[in-house]
């Protein structure tokens, strides 16, 4: 038995058409392709969007940066 959840979201009409066409041509459910896309690209999206948040925090002064010399000194290198 697999653990799964139902998630509803809106995609743009062109994407929906493309996924449905691919599903029909390959005789797989559209959910297979949506899950594949999420599995393949979620790590990259997390990296991109979380990095953007860090940059915003650094620029606004909410997050401190350290020089290489400071890090080496702290680690005793």
PDB file of N, CA and C in Angstrom:
ATOM      1  N   UNK A   1       0.835  -1.173   0.000  1.00  0.00           N
ATOM      2  CA  UNK A   1       0.000   0.000   0.000  1.00  0.00           C
ATOM      3  C   UNK A   1       0.883   1.241   0.000  1.00  0.00           C
ATOM      4  N   UNK A   2       0.588   2.187  -0.846  1.00  0.00           N
ATOM      5  CA  UNK A   2       1.388   3.404  -0.917  1.00  0.00           C
ATOM      6  C   UNK A   2       0.715   4.519  -0.150  1.00  0.00           C
ATOM      7  N   UNK A   3       1.532   5.390   0.393  1.00  0.00           N
ATOM      8  CA  UNK A   3       1.002   6.589   1.032  1.00  0.00           C
ATOM      9  C   UNK A   3       0.848   7.645  -0.039  1.00  0.00           C
ATOM     10  N   UNK A   4      -0.337   8.195  -0.151  1.00  0.00           N
ATOM     11  CA  UNK A   4      -0.541   9.255  -1.127  1.00  0.00           C
ATOM     12  C   UNK A   4      -1.540  10.236  -0.566  1.00  0.00           C
ATOM     13  N   UNK A   5      -1.498  11.416  -1.099  1.00  0.00           N
ATOM     14  CA  UNK A   5      -2.409  12.467  -0.684  1.00  0.00           C
ATOM     15  C   UNK A   5      -2.969  13.123  -1.928  1.00  0.00           C
ATOM     16  N   UNK A   6      -4.156  13.614  -1.793  1.00  0.00           N
ATOM     17  CA  UNK A   6      -4.771  14.333  -2.899  1.00  0.00           C
ATOM     18  C   UNK A   6      -4.451  15.804  -2.720  1.00  0.00           C
ATOM     19  N   UNK A   7      -3.898  16.395  -3.764  1.00  0.00           N
ATOM     20  CA  UNK A   7      -3.564  17.815  -3.760  1.00  0.00           C
ATOM     21  C   UNK A   7      -4.224  18.437  -4.976  1.00  0.00           C
ATOM     22  N   UNK A   8      -4.945  19.495  -4.759  1.00  0.00           N
ATOM     23  CA  UNK A   8      -5.545  20.215  -5.876  1.00  0.00           C
ATOM     24  C   UNK A   8      -4.776  21.504  -6.098  1.00  0.00           C
ATOM     25  N   UNK A   9      -4.475  21.799  -7.341  1.00  0.00           N
ATOM     26  CA  UNK A   9      -3.828  23.054  -7.673  1.00  0.00           C
ATOM     27  C   UNK A   9      -4.216  23.438  -9.092  1.00  0.00           C
ATOM     28  N   UNK A  10      -3.995  24.685  -9.415  1.00  0.00           N
ATOM     29  CA  UNK A  10      -4.294  25.173 -10.758  1.00  0.00           C
ATOM     30  C   UNK A  10      -2.991  25.277 -11.542  1.00  0.00           C
ATOM     31  N   UNK A  11      -3.003  24.711 -12.718  1.00  0.00           N
ATOM     32  CA  UNK A  11      -1.861  24.897 -13.610  1.00  0.00           C
ATOM     33  C   UNK A  11      -2.338  25.773 -14.759  1.00  0.00           C
ATOM     34  N   UNK A  12      -1.387  26.326 -15.479  1.00  0.00           N
ATOM     35  CA  UNK A  12      -1.824  27.136 -16.607  1.00  0.00           C
ATOM     36  C   UNK A  12      -2.415  26.202 -17.666  1.00  0.00           C
ATOM     37  N   UNK A  13      -3.329  26.703 -18.471  1.00  0.00           N
ATOM     38  CA  UNK A  13      -4.025  25.837 -19.427  1.00  0.00           C
ATOM     39  C   UNK A  13      -3.099  25.105 -20.396  1.00  0.00           C
ATOM     40  N   UNK A  14      -2.020  25.753 -20.828  1.00  0.00           N
ATOM     41  CA  UNK A  14      -1.105  25.103 -21.768  1.00  0.00           C
ATOM     42  C   UNK A  14      -0.412  23.901 -21.136  1.00  0.00           C
ATOM     43  N   UNK A  15      -0.018  24.040 -19.882  1.00  0.00           N
ATOM     44  CA  UNK A  15       0.630  22.924 -19.190  1.00  0.00           C
ATOM     45  C   UNK A  15      -0.344  21.775 -19.009  1.00  0.00           C
ATOM     46  N   UNK A  16      -1.547  22.090 -18.617  1.00  0.00           N
ATOM     47  CA  UNK A  16      -2.567  21.059 -18.428  1.00  0.00           C
ATOM     48  C   UNK A  16      -2.808  20.294 -19.728  1.00  0.00           C
ATOM     49  N   UNK A  17      -2.919  21.010 -20.820  1.00  0.00           N
ATOM     50  CA  UNK A  17      -3.134  20.370 -22.120  1.00  0.00           C
ATOM     51  C   UNK A  17      -1.965  19.452 -22.465  1.00  0.00           C
ATOM     52  N   UNK A  18      -0.754  19.926 -22.254  1.00  0.00           N
ATOM     53  CA  UNK A  18       0.429  19.127 -22.587  1.00  0.00           C
ATOM     54  C   UNK A  18       0.499  17.855 -21.749  1.00  0.00           C
ATOM     55  N   UNK A  19       0.253  17.985 -20.434  1.00  0.00           N
ATOM     56  CA  UNK A  19       0.313  16.815 -19.552  1.00  0.00           C
ATOM     57  C   UNK A  19      -0.792  15.828 -19.913  1.00  0.00           C
ATOM     58  N   UNK A  20      -1.988  16.326 -20.154  1.00  0.00           N
ATOM     59  CA  UNK A  20      -3.093  15.428 -20.513  1.00  0.00           C
ATOM     60  C   UNK A  20      -2.833  14.722 -21.844  1.00  0.00           C
ATOM     61  N   UNK A  21      -2.250  15.433 -22.782  1.00  0.00           N
ATOM     62  CA  UNK A  21      -1.918  14.819 -24.076  1.00  0.00           C
ATOM     63  C   UNK A  21      -0.878  13.722 -23.885  1.00  0.00           C
ATOM     64  N   UNK A  22       0.158  14.008 -23.120  1.00  0.00           N
ATOM     65  CA  UNK A  22       1.200  13.017 -22.853  1.00  0.00           C
ATOM     66  C   UNK A  22       0.609  11.803 -22.140  1.00  0.00           C
ATOM     67  N   UNK A  23      -0.260  12.055 -21.167  1.00  0.00           N
ATOM     68  CA  UNK A  23      -0.885  10.954 -20.431  1.00  0.00           C
ATOM     69  C   UNK A  23      -1.704  10.069 -21.370  1.00  0.00           C
ATOM     70  N   UNK A  24      -2.455  10.699 -22.239  1.00  0.00           N
ATOM     71  CA  UNK A  24      -3.288   9.937 -23.174  1.00  0.00           C
ATOM     72  C   UNK A  24      -2.428   9.118 -24.133  1.00  0.00           C
ATOM     73  N   UNK A  25      -1.367   9.729 -24.651  1.00  0.00           N
ATOM     74  CA  UNK A  25      -0.506   9.043 -25.621  1.00  0.00           C
ATOM     75  C   UNK A  25       0.250   7.878 -24.993  1.00  0.00           C
ATOM     76  N   UNK A  26       0.570   7.985 -23.722  1.00  0.00           N
ATOM     77  CA  UNK A  26       1.365   6.947 -23.055  1.00  0.00           C
ATOM     78  C   UNK A  26       0.515   6.017 -22.197  1.00  0.00           C
ATOM     79  N   UNK A  27      -0.784   6.292 -22.147  1.00  0.00           N
ATOM     80  CA  UNK A  27      -1.708   5.489 -21.348  1.00  0.00           C
ATOM     81  C   UNK A  27      -1.319   5.436 -19.871  1.00  0.00           C
ATOM     82  N   UNK A  28      -0.873   6.559 -19.374  1.00  0.00           N
ATOM     83  CA  UNK A  28      -0.572   6.721 -17.947  1.00  0.00           C
ATOM     84  C   UNK A  28      -1.479   7.824 -17.417  1.00  0.00           C
ATOM     85  N   UNK A  29      -1.722   7.830 -16.122  1.00  0.00           N
ATOM     86  CA  UNK A  29      -2.528   8.923 -15.579  1.00  0.00           C
ATOM     87  C   UNK A  29      -1.729  10.231 -15.551  1.00  0.00           C
ATOM     88  N   UNK A  30      -2.427  11.332 -15.695  1.00  0.00           N
ATOM     89  CA  UNK A  30      -1.760  12.634 -15.643  1.00  0.00           C
ATOM     90  C   UNK A  30      -1.025  12.801 -14.313  1.00  0.00           C
ATOM     91  N   UNK A  31      -1.576  12.220 -13.242  1.00  0.00           N
ATOM     92  CA  UNK A  31      -0.934  12.339 -11.928  1.00  0.00           C
ATOM     93  C   UNK A  31       0.473  11.741 -11.932  1.00  0.00           C
ATOM     94  N   UNK A  32       0.710  10.731 -12.764  1.00  0.00           N
ATOM     95  CA  UNK A  32       2.051  10.154 -12.874  1.00  0.00           C
ATOM     96  C   UNK A  32       3.049  11.235 -13.289  1.00  0.00           C
ATOM     97  N   UNK A  33       2.673  12.050 -14.263  1.00  0.00           N
ATOM     98  CA  UNK A  33       3.580  13.082 -14.769  1.00  0.00           C
ATOM     99  C   UNK A  33       3.720  14.251 -13.812  1.00  0.00           C
ATOM    100  N   UNK A  34       2.625  14.623 -13.144  1.00  0.00           N
ATOM    101  CA  UNK A  34       2.750  15.685 -12.140  1.00  0.00           C
ATOM    102  C   UNK A  34       3.661  15.233 -11.007  1.00  0.00           C
ATOM    103  N   UNK A  35       3.509  13.985 -10.561  1.00  0.00           N
ATOM    104  CA  UNK A  35       4.393  13.471  -9.510  1.00  0.00           C
ATOM    105  C   UNK A  35       5.835  13.383  -9.987  1.00  0.00           C
ATOM    106  N   UNK A  36       6.028  12.960 -11.222  1.00  0.00           N
ATOM    107  CA  UNK A  36       7.376  12.878 -11.776  1.00  0.00           C
ATOM    108  C   UNK A  36       8.028  14.261 -11.788  1.00  0.00           C
ATOM    109  N   UNK A  37       7.291  15.246 -12.256  1.00  0.00           N
ATOM    110  CA  UNK A  37       7.824  16.609 -12.291  1.00  0.00           C
ATOM    111  C   UNK A  37       8.203  17.082 -10.894  1.00  0.00           C
ATOM    112  N   UNK A  38       7.342  16.839  -9.931  1.00  0.00           N
ATOM    113  CA  UNK A  38       7.648  17.250  -8.559  1.00  0.00           C
ATOM    114  C   UNK A  38       8.869  16.514  -8.021  1.00  0.00           C
ATOM    115  N   UNK A  39       8.913  15.210  -8.239  1.00  0.00           N
ATOM    116  CA  UNK A  39      10.050  14.422  -7.753  1.00  0.00           C
ATOM    117  C   UNK A  39      11.367  14.879  -8.375  1.00  0.00           C
ATOM    118  N   UNK A  40      11.331  15.175  -9.656  1.00  0.00           N
ATOM    119  CA  UNK A  40      12.560  15.525 -10.368  1.00  0.00           C
ATOM    120  C   UNK A  40      13.038  16.945 -10.084  1.00  0.00           C
ATOM    121  N   UNK A  41      12.120  17.872  -9.857  1.00  0.00           N
ATOM    122  CA  UNK A  41      12.506  19.281  -9.818  1.00  0.00           C
ATOM    123  C   UNK A  41      12.304  19.970  -8.485  1.00  0.00           C
ATOM    124  N   UNK A  42      11.695  19.318  -7.511  1.00  0.00           N
ATOM    125  CA  UNK A  42      11.443  19.974  -6.233  1.00  0.00           C
ATOM    126  C   UNK A  42      12.738  20.346  -5.517  1.00  0.00           C
ATOM    127  N   UNK A  43      13.749  19.492  -5.546  1.00  0.00           N
ATOM    128  CA  UNK A  43      15.034  19.828  -4.919  1.00  0.00           C
ATOM    129  C   UNK A  43      15.604  21.108  -5.506  1.00  0.00           C
ATOM    130  N   UNK A  44      15.575  21.224  -6.822  1.00  0.00           N
ATOM    131  CA  UNK A  44      16.096  22.427  -7.481  1.00  0.00           C
ATOM    132  C   UNK A  44      15.287  23.661  -7.093  1.00  0.00           C
ATOM    133  N   UNK A  45      13.974  23.523  -7.063  1.00  0.00           N
ATOM    134  CA  UNK A  45      13.128  24.660  -6.700  1.00  0.00           C
ATOM    135  C   UNK A  45      13.383  25.102  -5.267  1.00  0.00           C
ATOM    136  N   UNK A  46      13.548  24.134  -4.369  1.00  0.00           N
ATOM    137  CA  UNK A  46      13.870  24.480  -2.984  1.00  0.00           C
ATOM    138  C   UNK A  46      15.180  25.245  -2.921  1.00  0.00           C
ATOM    139  N   UNK A  47      16.192  24.754  -3.612  1.00  0.00           N
ATOM    140  CA  UNK A  47      17.490  25.432  -3.614  1.00  0.00           C
ATOM    141  C   UNK A  47      17.366  26.861  -4.126  1.00  0.00           C
ATOM    142  N   UNK A  48      16.674  27.036  -5.229  1.00  0.00           N
ATOM    143  CA  UNK A  48      16.550  28.363  -5.840  1.00  0.00           C
ATOM    144  C   UNK A  48      15.793  29.327  -4.936  1.00  0.00           C
ATOM    145  N   UNK A  49      14.606  28.942  -4.508  1.00  0.00           N
ATOM    146  CA  UNK A  49      13.770  29.864  -3.760  1.00  0.00           C
ATOM    147  C   UNK A  49      14.276  30.098  -2.338  1.00  0.00           C
ATOM    148  N   UNK A  50      14.850  29.072  -1.709  1.00  0.00           N
ATOM    149  CA  UNK A  50      15.410  29.277  -0.380  1.00  0.00           C
ATOM    150  C   UNK A  50      16.667  30.133  -0.447  1.00  0.00           C
ATOM    151  N   UNK A  51      17.465  29.971  -1.488  1.00  0.00           N
ATOM    152  CA  UNK A  51      18.650  30.817  -1.666  1.00  0.00           C
ATOM    153  C   UNK A  51      18.242  32.272  -1.873  1.00  0.00           C
ATOM    154  N   UNK A  52      17.169  32.496  -2.620  1.00  0.00           N
ATOM    155  CA  UNK A  52      16.677  33.862  -2.816  1.00  0.00           C
ATOM    156  C   UNK A  52      16.264  34.487  -1.485  1.00  0.00           C
ATOM    157  N   UNK A  53      15.666  33.702  -0.607  1.00  0.00           N
ATOM    158  CA  UNK A  53      15.281  34.200   0.713  1.00  0.00           C
ATOM    159  C   UNK A  53      16.508  34.570   1.539  1.00  0.00           C
ATOM    160  N   UNK A  54      17.543  33.744   1.472  1.00  0.00           N
ATOM    161  CA  UNK A  54      18.780  34.037   2.203  1.00  0.00           C
ATOM    162  C   UNK A  54      19.395  35.341   1.690  1.00  0.00           C
ATOM    163  N   UNK A  55      19.422  35.513   0.377  1.00  0.00           N
ATOM    164  CA  UNK A  55      19.975  36.744  -0.197  1.00  0.00           C
ATOM    165  C   UNK A  55      19.186  37.954   0.292  1.00  0.00           C
ATOM    166  N   UNK A  56      17.857  37.849   0.297  1.00  0.00           N
ATOM    167  CA  UNK A  56      17.024  38.964   0.799  1.00  0.00           C
ATOM    168  C   UNK A  56      17.347  39.270   2.254  1.00  0.00           C
ATOM    169  N   UNK A  57      17.507  38.213   3.060  1.00  0.00           N
ATOM    170  CA  UNK A  57      17.818  38.410   4.477  1.00  0.00           C
ATOM    171  C   UNK A  57      19.186  39.039   4.673  1.00  0.00           C
ATOM    172  N   UNK A  58      20.151  38.655   3.870  1.00  0.00           N
ATOM    173  CA  UNK A  58      21.486  39.243   3.962  1.00  0.00           C
ATOM    174  C   UNK A  58      21.425  40.720   3.590  1.00  0.00           C
ATOM    175  N   UNK A  59      20.760  41.017   2.492  1.00  0.00           N
ATOM    176  CA  UNK A  59      20.668  42.417   2.026  1.00  0.00           C
ATOM    177  C   UNK A  59      19.911  43.306   3.005  1.00  0.00           C
ATOM    178  N   UNK A  60      18.946  42.747   3.706  1.00  0.00           N
ATOM    179  CA  UNK A  60      18.169  43.542   4.657  1.00  0.00           C
ATOM    180  C   UNK A  60      18.820  43.588   6.040  1.00  0.00           C
ATOM    181  N   UNK A  61      19.916  42.856   6.220  1.00  0.00           N
ATOM    182  CA  UNK A  61      20.610  42.851   7.500  1.00  0.00           C
ATOM    183  C   UNK A  61      20.055  41.857   8.502  1.00  0.00           C
ATOM    184  N   UNK A  62      19.118  41.036   8.091  1.00  0.00           N
ATOM    185  CA  UNK A  62      18.534  40.047   8.997  1.00  0.00           C
ATOM    186  C   UNK A  62      19.438  38.825   9.174  1.00  0.00           C
ATOM    187  N   UNK A  63      20.376  38.654   8.269  1.00  0.00           N
ATOM    188  CA  UNK A  63      21.274  37.502   8.330  1.00  0.00           C
ATOM    189  C   UNK A  63      22.711  37.997   8.180  1.00  0.00           C
ATOM    190  N   UNK A  64      23.585  37.496   9.037  1.00  0.00           N
ATOM    191  CA  UNK A  64      24.983  37.934   9.044  1.00  0.00           C
ATOM    192  C   UNK A  64      25.812  37.044   8.128  1.00  0.00           C
ATOM    193  N   UNK A  65      26.811  37.627   7.520  1.00  0.00           N
ATOM    194  CA  UNK A  65      27.770  36.862   6.723  1.00  0.00           C
ATOM    195  C   UNK A  65      29.120  36.878   7.424  1.00  0.00           C
ATOM    196  N   UNK A  66      29.966  35.939   7.044  1.00  0.00           N
ATOM    197  CA  UNK A  66      31.282  35.807   7.646  1.00  0.00           C
ATOM    198  C   UNK A  66      32.318  35.684   6.549  1.00  0.00           C
ATOM    199  N   UNK A  67      33.473  36.266   6.773  1.00  0.00           N
ATOM    200  CA  UNK A  67      34.566  36.128   5.814  1.00  0.00           C
ATOM    201  C   UNK A  67      35.206  34.753   5.988  1.00  0.00           C
ATOM    202  N   UNK A  68      35.962  34.348   4.996  1.00  0.00           N
ATOM    203  CA  UNK A  68      36.683  33.082   5.088  1.00  0.00           C
ATOM    204  C   UNK A  68      37.638  33.105   6.275  1.00  0.00           C
ATOM    205  N   UNK A  69      38.296  34.218   6.488  1.00  0.00           N
ATOM    206  CA  UNK A  69      39.229  34.332   7.615  1.00  0.00           C
ATOM    207  C   UNK A  69      38.501  34.146   8.949  1.00  0.00           C
ATOM    208  N   UNK A  70      37.299  34.707   9.081  1.00  0.00           N
ATOM    209  CA  UNK A  70      36.527  34.540  10.314  1.00  0.00           C
ATOM    210  C   UNK A  70      36.142  33.081  10.539  1.00  0.00           C
ATOM    211  N   UNK A  71      35.741  32.415   9.498  1.00  0.00           N
ATOM    212  CA  UNK A  71      35.337  31.009   9.596  1.00  0.00           C
ATOM    213  C   UNK A  71      36.550  30.157   9.956  1.00  0.00           C
ATOM    214  N   UNK A  72      37.682  30.394   9.267  1.00  0.00           N
ATOM    215  CA  UNK A  72      38.902  29.638   9.571  1.00  0.00           C
ATOM    216  C   UNK A  72      39.334  29.857  11.012  1.00  0.00           C
ATOM    217  N   UNK A  73      39.256  31.094  11.465  1.00  0.00           N
ATOM    218  CA  UNK A  73      39.647  31.408  12.843  1.00  0.00           C
ATOM    219  C   UNK A  73      38.737  30.702  13.842  1.00  0.00           C
ATOM    220  N   UNK A  74      37.446  30.751  13.589  1.00  0.00           N
ATOM    221  CA  UNK A  74      36.472  30.111  14.475  1.00  0.00           C
ATOM    222  C   UNK A  74      36.694  28.605  14.545  1.00  0.00           C
ATOM    223  N   UNK A  75      37.065  27.996  13.419  1.00  0.00           N
ATOM    224  CA  UNK A  75      37.274  26.546  13.350  1.00  0.00           C
ATOM    225  C   UNK A  75      38.691  26.134  13.694  1.00  0.00           C
ATOM    226  N   UNK A  76      39.557  27.105  13.923  1.00  0.00           N
ATOM    227  CA  UNK A  76      40.934  26.801  14.254  1.00  0.00           C
ATOM    228  C   UNK A  76      41.729  26.236  13.084  1.00  0.00           C
ATOM    229  N   UNK A  77      41.441  26.709  11.913  1.00  0.00           N
ATOM    230  CA  UNK A  77      42.136  26.208  10.707  1.00  0.00           C
ATOM    231  C   UNK A  77      43.285  27.115  10.341  1.00  0.00           C
TER     232      UNK A  77
END
